[in-house]
Amino acid sequence: MSEVEAAVRKVTPGIIQNSHSDDGSIFHNVMKGAHDYFNGLFYWKIWSYMAYASIRKRYARTVIGPFWTTLSVAIFIGIMGVLFSFLWHRNVKDFMPFFSAGY
């Protein structure tokens, strides 16, 4: 059992509650959803640790970690911006901010 699973099992009994007044009304469903939402906010340490562990596991053997995603987008914008500026006879200096902003 991983650390995350152990933490979730430790806290889960407080989150899961049986609803004795399940009348199926819209108000009841909204209140149940709001209760679930605020319980999720209350246990922010669990979901933040789960996100951290997921990112750490995904990029465990890489050199620059999660910045590979940022780097790949920057390389794509750089190459495509230069290529498109030459194809459409635009100045690279003027076209690159336009292209990188998504227009």
N, C-alpha and C. Protein backbone atom coordinates (compact mmCIF):
# COMPACT_ATOMS: atom_id res chain seq x y z
N MET A 1 0.85 -1.17 0.00
CA MET A 1 0.00 0.00 0.00
C MET A 1 0.90 1.24 0.00
N SER A 2 0.60 2.17 -0.89
CA SER A 2 1.42 3.38 -0.99
C SER A 2 1.06 4.36 0.13
N GLU A 3 1.88 5.39 0.23
CA GLU A 3 1.64 6.41 1.26
C GLU A 3 0.32 7.13 1.02
N VAL A 4 0.02 7.37 -0.26
CA VAL A 4 -1.21 8.08 -0.60
C VAL A 4 -2.43 7.24 -0.23
N GLU A 5 -2.39 5.95 -0.58
CA GLU A 5 -3.52 5.08 -0.25
C GLU A 5 -3.72 5.00 1.26
N ALA A 6 -2.62 4.93 2.00
CA ALA A 6 -2.73 4.88 3.46
C ALA A 6 -3.35 6.15 4.01
N ALA A 7 -2.95 7.30 3.45
CA ALA A 7 -3.51 8.57 3.92
C ALA A 7 -4.99 8.66 3.58
N VAL A 8 -5.37 8.20 2.39
CA VAL A 8 -6.79 8.25 1.98
C VAL A 8 -7.61 7.32 2.86
N ARG A 9 -7.12 6.13 3.12
CA ARG A 9 -7.86 5.19 3.98
C ARG A 9 -8.01 5.73 5.40
N LYS A 10 -7.01 6.47 5.85
CA LYS A 10 -7.06 7.02 7.20
C LYS A 10 -8.14 8.09 7.33
N VAL A 11 -8.34 8.89 6.28
CA VAL A 11 -9.24 10.03 6.34
C VAL A 11 -10.63 9.71 5.80
N THR A 12 -10.74 8.73 4.92
CA THR A 12 -11.99 8.44 4.23
C THR A 12 -13.19 8.20 5.15
N PRO A 13 -13.08 7.51 6.27
CA PRO A 13 -14.28 7.31 7.09
C PRO A 13 -14.95 8.60 7.52
N GLY A 14 -14.22 9.69 7.67
CA GLY A 14 -14.83 10.96 8.03
C GLY A 14 -15.55 11.62 6.86
N ILE A 15 -15.16 11.26 5.64
CA ILE A 15 -15.77 11.88 4.46
C ILE A 15 -17.06 11.17 4.09
N ILE A 16 -17.01 9.86 4.09
CA ILE A 16 -18.17 9.08 3.65
C ILE A 16 -19.17 9.02 4.80
N GLN A 17 -20.36 9.56 4.55
CA GLN A 17 -21.41 9.54 5.55
C GLN A 17 -22.69 9.04 4.90
N ASN A 18 -23.43 8.25 5.61
CA ASN A 18 -24.70 7.77 5.09
C ASN A 18 -25.74 8.87 5.21
N SER A 19 -26.49 9.07 4.15
CA SER A 19 -27.53 10.09 4.16
C SER A 19 -28.85 9.42 4.52
N HIS A 20 -29.41 9.78 5.67
CA HIS A 20 -30.66 9.18 6.11
C HIS A 20 -31.88 9.87 5.52
N SER A 21 -31.71 11.09 5.01
CA SER A 21 -32.86 11.81 4.48
C SER A 21 -32.72 11.98 2.97
N ASP A 22 -32.46 10.89 2.28
CA ASP A 22 -32.30 10.95 0.83
C ASP A 22 -33.68 10.94 0.17
N ASP A 23 -34.26 12.14 0.04
CA ASP A 23 -35.58 12.24 -0.55
C ASP A 23 -35.52 12.47 -2.06
N GLY A 24 -34.33 12.61 -2.63
CA GLY A 24 -34.19 12.77 -4.08
C GLY A 24 -34.50 14.16 -4.58
N SER A 25 -34.71 15.13 -3.71
CA SER A 25 -35.03 16.47 -4.17
C SER A 25 -33.77 17.16 -4.68
N ILE A 26 -33.99 18.20 -5.48
CA ILE A 26 -32.87 18.96 -6.03
C ILE A 26 -32.10 19.65 -4.91
N PHE A 27 -32.81 20.19 -3.94
CA PHE A 27 -32.15 20.86 -2.82
C PHE A 27 -31.25 19.89 -2.07
N HIS A 28 -31.73 18.68 -1.86
CA HIS A 28 -30.93 17.68 -1.15
C HIS A 28 -29.67 17.35 -1.95
N ASN A 29 -29.81 17.21 -3.26
CA ASN A 29 -28.65 16.90 -4.09
C ASN A 29 -27.65 18.05 -4.11
N VAL A 30 -28.15 19.29 -4.11
CA VAL A 30 -27.26 20.46 -4.08
C VAL A 30 -26.52 20.51 -2.76
N MET A 31 -27.23 20.28 -1.68
CA MET A 31 -26.59 20.30 -0.36
C MET A 31 -25.56 19.17 -0.23
N LYS A 32 -25.89 18.02 -0.77
CA LYS A 32 -24.96 16.90 -0.74
C LYS A 32 -23.71 17.21 -1.55
N GLY A 33 -23.90 17.85 -2.71
CA GLY A 33 -22.76 18.26 -3.53
C GLY A 33 -21.90 19.31 -2.85
N ALA A 34 -22.55 20.29 -2.21
CA ALA A 34 -21.80 21.33 -1.50
C ALA A 34 -21.03 20.73 -0.33
N HIS A 35 -21.65 19.80 0.36
CA HIS A 35 -20.98 19.13 1.47
C HIS A 35 -19.75 18.37 0.97
N ASP A 36 -19.89 17.67 -0.13
CA ASP A 36 -18.78 16.92 -0.72
C ASP A 36 -17.67 17.87 -1.16
N TYR A 37 -18.04 18.99 -1.76
CA TYR A 37 -17.07 19.99 -2.23
C TYR A 37 -16.26 20.55 -1.06
N PHE A 38 -16.93 20.95 -0.01
CA PHE A 38 -16.23 21.54 1.12
C PHE A 38 -15.41 20.51 1.90
N ASN A 39 -15.86 19.26 1.91
CA ASN A 39 -15.03 18.21 2.50
C ASN A 39 -13.74 18.05 1.70
N GLY A 40 -13.84 18.16 0.38
CA GLY A 40 -12.64 18.09 -0.45
C GLY A 40 -11.68 19.23 -0.18
N LEU A 41 -12.22 20.43 0.03
CA LEU A 41 -11.36 21.57 0.37
C LEU A 41 -10.72 21.40 1.74
N PHE A 42 -11.44 20.80 2.64
CA PHE A 42 -10.93 20.60 4.00
C PHE A 42 -9.72 19.67 4.01
N TYR A 43 -9.72 18.68 3.13
CA TYR A 43 -8.63 17.71 3.06
C TYR A 43 -7.65 18.06 1.94
N TRP A 44 -7.25 19.32 1.89
CA TRP A 44 -6.36 19.79 0.84
C TRP A 44 -4.98 19.14 0.90
N LYS A 45 -4.56 18.72 2.06
CA LYS A 45 -3.24 18.09 2.16
C LYS A 45 -3.21 16.77 1.39
N ILE A 46 -4.31 16.05 1.40
CA ILE A 46 -4.35 14.76 0.69
C ILE A 46 -4.27 14.98 -0.81
N TRP A 47 -5.15 15.85 -1.36
CA TRP A 47 -5.13 15.99 -2.82
C TRP A 47 -3.90 16.73 -3.31
N SER A 48 -3.32 17.62 -2.50
CA SER A 48 -2.07 18.25 -2.94
C SER A 48 -0.92 17.25 -2.92
N TYR A 49 -0.89 16.36 -1.92
CA TYR A 49 0.14 15.33 -1.90
C TYR A 49 -0.05 14.34 -3.04
N MET A 50 -1.30 14.00 -3.37
CA MET A 50 -1.55 13.09 -4.48
C MET A 50 -1.08 13.70 -5.80
N ALA A 51 -1.31 14.99 -5.99
CA ALA A 51 -0.83 15.66 -7.20
C ALA A 51 0.69 15.69 -7.24
N TYR A 52 1.31 16.00 -6.11
CA TYR A 52 2.77 16.03 -6.03
C TYR A 52 3.36 14.65 -6.32
N ALA A 53 2.78 13.61 -5.73
CA ALA A 53 3.28 12.25 -5.94
C ALA A 53 3.10 11.81 -7.39
N SER A 54 2.00 12.21 -8.01
CA SER A 54 1.76 11.86 -9.41
C SER A 54 2.79 12.53 -10.32
N ILE A 55 3.05 13.80 -10.09
CA ILE A 55 4.04 14.51 -10.91
C ILE A 55 5.43 13.93 -10.67
N ARG A 56 5.75 13.64 -9.44
CA ARG A 56 7.07 13.08 -9.12
C ARG A 56 7.25 11.70 -9.76
N LYS A 57 6.19 10.90 -9.77
CA LYS A 57 6.27 9.57 -10.37
C LYS A 57 6.38 9.66 -11.89
N ARG A 58 5.63 10.55 -12.50
CA ARG A 58 5.63 10.68 -13.96
C ARG A 58 6.98 11.13 -14.49
N TYR A 59 7.63 12.04 -13.80
CA TYR A 59 8.89 12.60 -14.28
C TYR A 59 10.07 12.14 -13.42
N ALA A 60 10.02 10.93 -12.89
CA ALA A 60 11.05 10.46 -11.96
C ALA A 60 12.43 10.35 -12.60
N ARG A 61 12.50 9.89 -13.84
CA ARG A 61 13.81 9.66 -14.44
C ARG A 61 14.17 10.70 -15.49
N THR A 62 13.56 11.84 -15.47
CA THR A 62 13.90 12.88 -16.42
C THR A 62 14.83 13.89 -15.79
N VAL A 63 15.53 14.62 -16.64
CA VAL A 63 16.53 15.57 -16.15
C VAL A 63 15.87 16.85 -15.63
N ILE A 64 14.93 17.41 -16.41
CA ILE A 64 14.34 18.68 -16.01
C ILE A 64 12.91 18.55 -15.49
N GLY A 65 12.45 17.31 -15.31
CA GLY A 65 11.16 17.08 -14.68
C GLY A 65 9.98 17.59 -15.48
N PRO A 66 9.00 18.19 -14.80
CA PRO A 66 7.78 18.62 -15.48
C PRO A 66 7.98 19.78 -16.44
N PHE A 67 9.17 20.36 -16.47
CA PHE A 67 9.41 21.46 -17.41
C PHE A 67 9.58 20.97 -18.84
N TRP A 68 9.58 19.63 -19.05
CA TRP A 68 9.61 19.11 -20.42
C TRP A 68 8.39 19.60 -21.19
N THR A 69 7.26 19.66 -20.56
CA THR A 69 6.04 20.12 -21.22
C THR A 69 6.19 21.57 -21.66
N THR A 70 6.68 22.41 -20.80
CA THR A 70 6.90 23.82 -21.13
C THR A 70 7.94 23.96 -22.23
N LEU A 71 9.01 23.19 -22.13
CA LEU A 71 10.07 23.25 -23.13
C LEU A 71 9.58 22.80 -24.50
N SER A 72 8.77 21.74 -24.56
CA SER A 72 8.28 21.26 -25.85
C SER A 72 7.35 22.28 -26.50
N VAL A 73 6.53 22.96 -25.72
CA VAL A 73 5.66 24.01 -26.28
C VAL A 73 6.49 25.19 -26.77
N ALA A 74 7.52 25.57 -26.03
CA ALA A 74 8.39 26.67 -26.45
C ALA A 74 9.13 26.34 -27.74
N ILE A 75 9.61 25.11 -27.87
CA ILE A 75 10.29 24.70 -29.10
C ILE A 75 9.30 24.71 -30.27
N PHE A 76 8.10 24.21 -30.05
CA PHE A 76 7.08 24.20 -31.10
C PHE A 76 6.77 25.62 -31.57
N ILE A 77 6.55 26.53 -30.64
CA ILE A 77 6.23 27.92 -31.00
C ILE A 77 7.40 28.55 -31.72
N GLY A 78 8.62 28.29 -31.26
CA GLY A 78 9.79 28.87 -31.92
C GLY A 78 9.96 28.40 -33.35
N ILE A 79 9.88 27.10 -33.58
CA ILE A 79 10.07 26.56 -34.93
C ILE A 79 8.92 26.96 -35.84
N MET A 80 7.69 26.77 -35.38
CA MET A 80 6.54 27.09 -36.24
C MET A 80 6.43 28.59 -36.47
N GLY A 81 6.78 29.41 -35.49
CA GLY A 81 6.74 30.86 -35.68
C GLY A 81 7.71 31.33 -36.74
N VAL A 82 8.93 30.80 -36.71
CA VAL A 82 9.92 31.17 -37.73
C VAL A 82 9.49 30.65 -39.09
N LEU A 83 9.03 29.41 -39.16
CA LEU A 83 8.59 28.82 -40.43
C LEU A 83 7.42 29.59 -41.03
N PHE A 84 6.40 29.88 -40.24
CA PHE A 84 5.24 30.60 -40.76
C PHE A 84 5.59 32.03 -41.14
N SER A 85 6.49 32.66 -40.41
CA SER A 85 6.86 34.04 -40.77
C SER A 85 7.55 34.07 -42.13
N PHE A 86 8.35 33.06 -42.45
CA PHE A 86 8.97 33.00 -43.77
C PHE A 86 7.96 32.64 -44.85
N LEU A 87 7.03 31.75 -44.54
CA LEU A 87 6.03 31.35 -45.54
C LEU A 87 5.09 32.50 -45.88
N TRP A 88 4.75 33.33 -44.92
CA TRP A 88 3.82 34.42 -45.15
C TRP A 88 4.51 35.77 -45.31
N HIS A 89 5.83 35.74 -45.48
CA HIS A 89 6.63 36.94 -45.74
C HIS A 89 6.38 38.02 -44.68
N ARG A 90 6.49 37.62 -43.44
CA ARG A 90 6.34 38.55 -42.31
C ARG A 90 7.68 38.65 -41.59
N ASN A 91 7.87 39.75 -40.91
CA ASN A 91 9.06 39.93 -40.09
C ASN A 91 8.95 39.04 -38.85
N VAL A 92 9.97 38.22 -38.58
CA VAL A 92 9.94 37.30 -37.45
C VAL A 92 9.74 38.05 -36.14
N LYS A 93 10.38 39.19 -36.03
CA LYS A 93 10.30 40.00 -34.81
C LYS A 93 8.87 40.47 -34.53
N ASP A 94 8.12 40.74 -35.59
CA ASP A 94 6.73 41.18 -35.43
C ASP A 94 5.76 40.00 -35.34
N PHE A 95 6.07 38.91 -36.05
CA PHE A 95 5.14 37.79 -36.14
C PHE A 95 5.18 36.89 -34.90
N MET A 96 6.34 36.74 -34.29
CA MET A 96 6.49 35.79 -33.18
C MET A 96 5.57 36.10 -31.99
N PRO A 97 5.46 37.33 -31.51
CA PRO A 97 4.51 37.59 -30.41
C PRO A 97 3.06 37.33 -30.82
N PHE A 98 2.74 37.67 -32.06
CA PHE A 98 1.40 37.44 -32.59
C PHE A 98 1.08 35.95 -32.60
N PHE A 99 2.02 35.14 -33.08
CA PHE A 99 1.81 33.69 -33.17
C PHE A 99 1.79 33.04 -31.78
N SER A 100 2.68 33.44 -30.91
CA SER A 100 2.74 32.81 -29.59
C SER A 100 1.53 33.16 -28.71
N ALA A 101 0.88 34.28 -29.00
CA ALA A 101 -0.32 34.64 -28.26
C ALA A 101 -1.55 33.87 -28.72
N GLY A 102 -1.43 33.17 -29.84
CA GLY A 102 -2.52 32.33 -30.31
C GLY A 102 -3.37 32.95 -31.39
N TYR A 103 -2.94 34.05 -31.96
CA TYR A 103 -3.71 34.67 -33.02
C TYR A 103 -3.16 34.20 -34.33
